[in-house]
Protein backbone atom coordinates (compact mmCIF):
# COMPACT_ATOMS: atom_id res chain seq x y z
CA MET A 1 13.75 21.85 -62.27
CA GLY A 2 12.45 25.25 -61.07
CA GLU A 3 14.06 27.22 -58.29
CA THR A 4 12.13 27.89 -55.11
CA SER A 5 12.75 30.64 -52.61
CA THR A 6 14.39 28.18 -50.21
CA GLU A 7 16.85 27.09 -52.91
CA THR A 8 17.93 30.63 -53.71
CA ALA A 9 17.71 32.40 -50.35
CA ILE A 10 20.95 33.20 -48.55
CA ASP A 11 21.06 32.23 -44.90
CA PRO A 12 21.57 35.46 -42.89
CA LYS A 13 24.21 33.71 -40.76
CA LEU A 14 26.14 32.75 -43.90
CA LEU A 15 25.96 36.34 -45.11
CA GLU A 16 27.51 37.47 -41.82
CA LEU A 17 30.39 35.00 -42.22
CA ILE A 18 31.40 35.40 -45.85
CA CYS A 19 33.18 38.39 -47.33
CA CYS A 20 34.38 39.60 -50.69
CA PRO A 21 37.37 37.44 -51.70
CA LEU A 22 39.17 40.47 -53.18
CA THR A 23 38.60 43.19 -50.59
CA LYS A 24 37.56 41.13 -47.55
CA GLY A 25 34.71 43.65 -47.28
CA VAL A 26 31.05 43.29 -46.44
CA LEU A 27 28.63 41.78 -48.94
CA SER A 28 24.94 42.55 -49.35
CA TYR A 29 22.40 40.23 -50.93
CA ASP A 30 20.27 41.32 -53.89
CA ALA A 31 17.38 38.83 -53.85
CA THR A 32 15.94 40.13 -57.12
CA ARG A 33 19.09 39.43 -59.13
CA LYS A 34 20.32 36.59 -56.88
CA GLU A 35 23.72 38.21 -56.37
CA LEU A 36 26.05 39.09 -53.52
CA ILE A 37 27.19 42.68 -53.93
CA SER A 38 30.60 44.08 -53.04
CA LEU A 39 30.48 47.85 -53.49
CA THR A 40 34.18 48.16 -52.63
CA ALA A 41 35.23 45.71 -55.37
CA LYS A 42 32.43 46.94 -57.67
CA LEU A 43 31.40 43.32 -58.30
CA ALA A 44 28.23 41.23 -58.06
CA TYR A 45 28.84 37.56 -57.30
CA PRO A 46 26.13 35.20 -58.58
CA VAL A 47 24.17 32.86 -56.33
CA ARG A 48 23.22 29.68 -58.15
CA GLU A 49 20.80 27.22 -56.55
CA GLY A 50 21.46 28.90 -53.20
CA ILE A 51 25.25 28.57 -53.50
CA PRO A 52 27.35 31.76 -53.65
CA ILE A 53 29.90 31.61 -56.47
CA MET A 54 32.72 33.64 -54.94
CA LEU A 55 35.05 33.66 -57.93
CA PRO A 56 35.97 37.09 -59.29
CA SER A 57 36.04 35.57 -62.78
CA GLU A 58 32.33 34.66 -62.40
CA ALA A 59 31.33 38.04 -60.96
CA ARG A 60 29.55 40.77 -62.89
CA ALA A 61 31.15 44.22 -62.87
CA LEU A 62 28.92 46.94 -61.42
CA ASP A 63 28.69 50.15 -63.41
CA GLU A 64 29.06 53.55 -61.71
CA ASP A 65 25.31 54.30 -61.87
CA GLU A 66 24.45 51.03 -60.14
CA ILE A 67 27.10 51.63 -57.46
CA ALA A 68 25.78 55.15 -56.79
CA GLN A 69 22.20 53.87 -56.59
CA ARG A 70 23.12 51.09 -54.15
CA ARG A 71 25.12 53.47 -51.94
CA LYS A 72 22.17 55.84 -51.89
CA LEU A 73 19.84 52.99 -50.81
CA ARG A 74 22.26 51.94 -48.08
CA GLY A 75 22.05 55.39 -46.55
């Protein structure tokens, strides 16, 4: 079954409520990669079928270049 935008989109209210389980910091949503990003923890948590997988063991480590680029975009 294919994913639609409604299945993978993160509700903005949910994004306001959840935080990084390691740092308790703010998360940002990368719609292209379907990940929740924690710059403080240097991790990208996957979003599968619209459900954030907030397990550090499932998260992808961000490399230094990606962190620098995302911080630059944030302003």
